[in-house]
Amino acid sequence: MGATLLRHGPSEVGYGVKIRAPHALVMTFLFRSGSLQEKLRAILQATYTHSRNLAYFVFTYKGLYALQSHVQGKTNQVHPFLAAFIGGFLIFGENNNINSQISMYLLSRVLFALCRLGIEKGYIPEPKRDSFRVFTGVLWGLVLWLFEYHRSTLQPSLQSSMTYLYEDSNVWHDISDFLIYNKSHPSK
């Protein structure tokens, strides 16, 4: 088990590149100003940081998981939590844009999984009908309330996206705003 867990390398880096590069490309060209060279540098930096952190985390997690299992002679449910806690603390602990986005991505999936687990274990009653519409309605209601009245609490890239969708879209100059990028110009 230990040898299998400790293997890591190009697959983690490749996964990080596949995930981050398209996102960084779109977000950089939509919302970042600067020269083409500056934009490309930002895309490469974001992709590198995401890929490196993911590879370091996988190595740390697998190593600590294997070490705990080896020391105790068996696996235990607390092992993955402790290994991931230490890896997350060390690798993703710096509060920057990349780590923040990764953590928010994980938070949404973890909350969904915990709700499902709560239903499975009987802690949460199983909904009698599909409640996804209620969930999304509450979610969209909350995020737009936050955007309109407490904008500074939202993550910067979400603020940028919402500003583009709900404010910049109020002003149109020509068809290029629709096809390329619409940014409201300050009034003269």
Protein backbone atom coordinates (compact mmCIF):
# COMPACT_ATOMS: atom_id res chain seq x y z
CA MET A 1 0.00 0.00 0.00
CA GLY A 2 2.75 2.50 0.94
CA ALA A 3 4.57 2.25 -2.41
CA THR A 4 1.34 2.81 -4.32
CA LEU A 5 0.35 5.78 -2.15
CA LEU A 6 3.74 7.47 -2.47
CA ARG A 7 3.81 7.46 -6.28
CA HIS A 8 2.96 10.85 -7.69
CA GLY A 9 4.15 13.11 -10.41
CA PRO A 10 3.07 14.09 -13.89
CA SER A 11 -0.56 13.04 -13.46
CA GLU A 12 -1.16 15.52 -10.61
CA VAL A 13 0.65 18.30 -12.47
CA GLY A 14 -1.21 17.45 -15.70
CA TYR A 15 -4.53 17.50 -13.88
CA GLY A 16 -3.73 20.90 -12.39
CA VAL A 17 -2.85 22.25 -15.84
CA LYS A 18 -6.07 20.87 -17.37
CA ILE A 19 -8.14 22.47 -14.62
CA ARG A 20 -6.41 25.82 -14.18
CA ALA A 21 -5.20 26.80 -17.67
CA PRO A 22 -8.65 27.14 -19.33
CA HIS A 23 -10.06 28.98 -16.31
CA ALA A 24 -7.06 31.34 -16.13
CA LEU A 25 -7.22 31.94 -19.89
CA VAL A 26 -10.89 32.95 -19.85
CA MET A 27 -10.75 35.00 -16.64
CA THR A 28 -7.54 36.79 -17.65
CA PHE A 29 -8.79 37.81 -21.07
CA LEU A 30 -12.21 38.80 -19.74
CA PHE A 31 -11.23 40.74 -16.64
CA ARG A 32 -7.54 41.61 -16.64
CA SER A 33 -6.02 44.62 -18.30
CA GLY A 34 -2.47 44.73 -19.59
CA SER A 35 -0.42 43.67 -22.56
CA LEU A 36 -0.69 40.26 -24.19
CA GLN A 37 2.65 39.33 -22.62
CA GLU A 38 1.42 40.32 -19.13
CA LYS A 39 -1.77 38.32 -19.62
CA LEU A 40 0.11 35.23 -20.81
CA ARG A 41 2.49 35.54 -17.86
CA ALA A 42 -0.48 35.71 -15.46
CA ILE A 43 -2.06 32.62 -17.06
CA LEU A 44 1.18 30.65 -16.82
CA GLN A 45 1.76 31.77 -13.20
CA ALA A 46 -1.76 30.78 -12.12
CA THR A 47 -1.48 27.44 -13.92
CA TYR A 48 1.94 26.75 -12.42
CA THR A 49 0.84 27.66 -8.88
CA HIS A 50 -2.31 25.50 -9.07
CA SER A 51 -0.44 22.52 -10.54
CA ARG A 52 2.47 22.76 -8.12
CA ASN A 53 0.24 23.07 -5.07
CA LEU A 54 -1.90 20.15 -6.18
CA ALA A 55 1.17 17.95 -6.77
CA TYR A 56 2.70 18.92 -3.40
CA PHE A 57 -0.61 18.27 -1.65
CA VAL A 58 -1.08 14.83 -3.24
CA PHE A 59 2.47 13.84 -2.30
CA THR A 60 2.04 15.10 1.28
CA TYR A 61 -1.38 13.49 1.71
CA LYS A 62 -0.33 10.11 0.32
CA GLY A 63 2.88 10.11 2.34
CA LEU A 64 1.19 10.98 5.63
CA TYR A 65 -1.66 8.55 5.00
CA ALA A 66 0.79 5.74 4.28
CA LEU A 67 2.91 6.65 7.31
CA GLN A 68 -0.08 6.54 9.68
CA SER A 69 -1.25 3.22 8.25
CA HIS A 70 2.25 1.78 8.51
CA VAL A 71 2.75 2.96 12.11
CA GLN A 72 -0.63 1.64 13.28
CA GLY A 73 -0.54 -1.48 11.10
CA LYS A 74 -3.97 -0.73 9.66
CA THR A 75 -5.98 2.10 8.20
CA ASN A 76 -8.35 4.15 10.28
CA GLN A 77 -11.05 6.69 9.30
CA VAL A 78 -9.12 9.47 11.00
CA HIS A 79 -6.02 8.91 8.82
CA PRO A 80 -7.27 10.62 5.65
CA PHE A 81 -8.60 13.57 7.66
CA LEU A 82 -5.33 14.11 9.53
CA ALA A 83 -3.18 13.66 6.42
CA ALA A 84 -5.37 16.06 4.42
CA PHE A 85 -5.58 18.56 7.30
CA ILE A 86 -1.80 18.76 7.55
CA GLY A 87 -1.42 18.90 3.76
CA GLY A 88 -4.11 21.56 3.44
CA PHE A 89 -2.61 23.60 6.27
CA LEU A 90 0.90 23.45 4.81
CA ILE A 91 0.23 23.57 1.05
CA PHE A 92 -3.02 25.54 0.67
CA GLY A 93 -2.73 27.62 3.87
CA GLU A 94 -1.53 30.81 2.18
CA ASN A 95 -4.51 33.08 1.50
CA ASN A 96 -4.14 33.84 -2.22
CA ASN A 97 -6.47 33.78 -5.23
CA ILE A 98 -5.58 30.25 -6.35
CA ASN A 99 -5.89 28.65 -2.91
CA SER A 100 -9.06 30.60 -2.20
CA GLN A 101 -10.72 29.38 -5.41
CA ILE A 102 -9.68 25.78 -4.76
CA SER A 103 -11.01 25.96 -1.20
CA MET A 104 -14.34 27.46 -2.29
CA TYR A 105 -14.67 24.75 -4.94
CA LEU A 106 -14.07 22.10 -2.29
CA LEU A 107 -16.40 23.75 0.23
CA SER A 108 -19.37 23.54 -2.12
CA ARG A 109 -18.73 19.87 -2.86
CA VAL A 110 -18.12 19.01 0.80
CA LEU A 111 -21.37 20.68 1.89
CA PHE A 112 -23.30 18.72 -0.75
CA ALA A 113 -21.61 15.48 0.29
CA LEU A 114 -22.27 16.10 4.00
CA CYS A 115 -25.95 16.70 3.27
CA ARG A 116 -26.10 13.43 1.32
CA LEU A 117 -24.26 11.64 4.14
CA GLY A 118 -26.69 13.12 6.66
CA ILE A 119 -29.60 11.73 4.64
CA GLU A 120 -27.88 8.34 4.24
CA LYS A 121 -27.25 8.08 7.99
CA GLY A 122 -30.75 9.30 8.86
CA TYR A 123 -29.66 12.55 10.53
CA ILE A 124 -31.47 14.60 7.90
CA PRO A 125 -34.91 13.51 6.70
CA GLU A 126 -34.97 12.56 3.05
CA PRO A 127 -36.83 15.19 1.04
CA LYS A 128 -40.18 13.94 -0.23
CA ARG A 129 -39.52 15.59 -3.60
CA ASP A 130 -36.57 17.08 -5.43
CA SER A 131 -35.53 20.22 -3.54
CA PHE A 132 -32.91 21.38 -6.02
CA ARG A 133 -35.05 24.30 -7.25
CA VAL A 134 -35.43 25.58 -3.69
CA PHE A 135 -31.69 25.16 -3.09
CA THR A 136 -30.73 27.08 -6.23
CA GLY A 137 -33.34 29.77 -5.56
CA VAL A 138 -31.96 30.37 -2.06
CA LEU A 139 -28.38 30.29 -3.36
CA TRP A 140 -29.02 32.84 -6.14
CA GLY A 141 -31.10 35.00 -3.82
CA LEU A 142 -28.29 35.11 -1.27
CA VAL A 143 -25.48 35.78 -3.73
CA LEU A 144 -27.29 38.65 -5.42
CA TRP A 145 -28.34 40.13 -2.10
CA LEU A 146 -24.67 40.00 -1.04
CA PHE A 147 -23.64 41.53 -4.38
CA GLU A 148 -26.11 44.40 -4.09
CA TYR A 149 -25.70 45.19 -0.38
CA HIS A 150 -22.47 43.60 0.88
CA ARG A 151 -20.32 43.32 -2.24
CA SER A 152 -16.98 43.54 -0.41
CA THR A 153 -17.72 40.20 1.30
CA LEU A 154 -17.71 38.34 -2.02
CA GLN A 155 -14.55 36.84 -3.47
CA PRO A 156 -12.93 39.27 -5.98
CA SER A 157 -13.35 37.12 -9.09
CA LEU A 158 -17.03 36.59 -8.25
CA GLN A 159 -17.40 40.34 -7.77
CA SER A 160 -15.83 40.88 -11.23
CA SER A 161 -18.09 38.33 -12.88
CA MET A 162 -21.20 39.77 -11.26
CA THR A 163 -20.21 43.35 -12.08
CA TYR A 164 -19.80 42.28 -15.70
CA LEU A 165 -23.15 40.49 -15.79
CA TYR A 166 -25.31 42.86 -13.78
CA GLU A 167 -23.75 46.31 -14.26
CA ASP A 168 -21.55 46.44 -17.34
CA SER A 169 -24.38 44.83 -19.31
CA ASN A 170 -26.49 47.95 -18.72
CA VAL A 171 -24.43 49.89 -21.26
CA TRP A 172 -23.99 48.79 -24.88
CA HIS A 173 -21.79 50.53 -27.42
CA ASP A 174 -21.96 48.23 -30.42
CA ILE A 175 -22.10 44.54 -31.39
CA SER A 176 -18.53 44.00 -30.17
CA ASP A 177 -19.81 44.41 -26.58
CA PHE A 178 -21.94 41.33 -27.12
CA LEU A 179 -19.37 39.29 -29.05
CA ILE A 180 -16.14 40.20 -27.28
CA TYR A 181 -16.32 42.04 -23.97
CA ASN A 182 -18.56 44.74 -22.59
CA LYS A 183 -17.04 47.14 -20.11
CA SER A 184 -18.97 50.22 -19.16
CA HIS A 185 -17.06 53.42 -19.81
CA PRO A 186 -17.09 56.17 -17.20
CA SER A 187 -19.41 59.01 -18.17
CA LYS A 188 -17.68 62.12 -19.43
